[in-house]
Each structure stands twice: as C-alpha cells, then as structure tokens.
Amino acid sequence: MSRRVDRDVEIETRNVEERNDSSRVASTLIKYVAYLIIFFGFLYFLIKYVFPMF
C-alpha cells in the first residue's frame, strides 16, 4: 500500500533588482579620482622636494 503524504512546501522567491544610480556612481568615481590626485601629488612633492635633501 502506497500512502501519499501531503506536505506544505514554502517556495522562496527572490526579486533581484539592479540599481543603476548613475549620479551615485559618478560621485564615487569623482571621490576616488580625487584620492588618486592627492596621493600622486604627495608622491610628487616627496620626490621633488624632500628626497633631494638627503
């Protein structure tokens, strides 16, 4: 005798939405470009003015 068991199965659904907020991406890009400019400016200062003193 085969007995059928009914089970409650919960199906999990996920809705994945891509966020394309171009203004947020642009502001992050500007921030990191500014960090790079400051970093290379500091390196230039060290190489041009501080290292020749030694």
Protein backbone atom coordinates (compact mmCIF):
# COMPACT_ATOMS: atom_id res chain seq x y z
CA MET A 1 0.00 0.00 0.00
CA SER A 2 1.41 3.26 -1.04
CA ARG A 3 0.42 6.17 1.10
CA ARG A 4 0.65 9.71 -0.23
CA VAL A 5 1.87 12.34 2.20
CA ASP A 6 0.85 15.92 1.52
CA ARG A 7 3.41 18.39 2.75
CA ASP A 8 3.24 22.14 2.91
CA VAL A 9 6.16 23.38 0.86
CA GLU A 10 7.07 27.03 1.06
CA ILE A 11 8.65 28.35 -2.09
CA GLU A 12 11.02 31.23 -1.52
CA THR A 13 11.06 33.78 -4.27
CA ARG A 14 13.69 36.45 -4.59
CA ASN A 15 13.38 39.55 -6.66
CA VAL A 16 16.80 40.88 -7.57
CA GLU A 17 16.75 44.45 -8.78
CA GLU A 18 19.80 46.07 -10.28
CA ARG A 19 20.38 49.57 -9.08
CA ASN A 20 21.80 51.86 -11.71
CA ASP A 21 22.02 55.16 -9.94
CA SER A 22 24.39 56.97 -12.27
CA SER A 23 24.73 60.00 -10.01
CA ARG A 24 25.92 57.78 -7.15
CA VAL A 25 28.41 56.04 -9.42
CA ALA A 26 29.67 59.38 -10.72
CA SER A 27 30.13 60.83 -7.24
CA THR A 28 32.03 57.72 -6.12
CA LEU A 29 34.24 57.93 -9.21
CA ILE A 30 34.98 61.61 -8.55
CA LYS A 31 35.83 60.82 -4.92
CA TYR A 32 38.34 58.11 -5.82
CA VAL A 33 39.87 60.19 -8.61
CA ALA A 34 40.38 62.98 -6.06
CA TYR A 35 42.08 60.48 -3.71
CA LEU A 36 44.41 59.42 -6.52
CA ILE A 37 45.27 63.02 -7.41
CA ILE A 38 46.07 63.82 -3.77
CA PHE A 39 48.14 60.63 -3.45
CA PHE A 40 50.20 61.28 -6.60
CA GLY A 41 50.55 64.94 -5.67
CA PHE A 42 52.00 63.90 -2.31
CA LEU A 43 54.38 61.47 -4.03
CA TYR A 44 55.46 64.22 -6.44
CA PHE A 45 56.12 66.53 -3.50
CA LEU A 46 58.21 63.88 -1.76
CA ILE A 47 60.25 63.08 -4.86
CA LYS A 48 60.75 66.68 -5.97
CA TYR A 49 61.44 68.43 -2.64
CA VAL A 50 62.05 66.02 0.24
CA PHE A 51 64.24 63.31 -1.29
CA PRO A 52 66.79 65.75 -2.81
CA MET A 53 67.56 66.99 0.72
CA PHE A 54 69.14 63.66 1.62
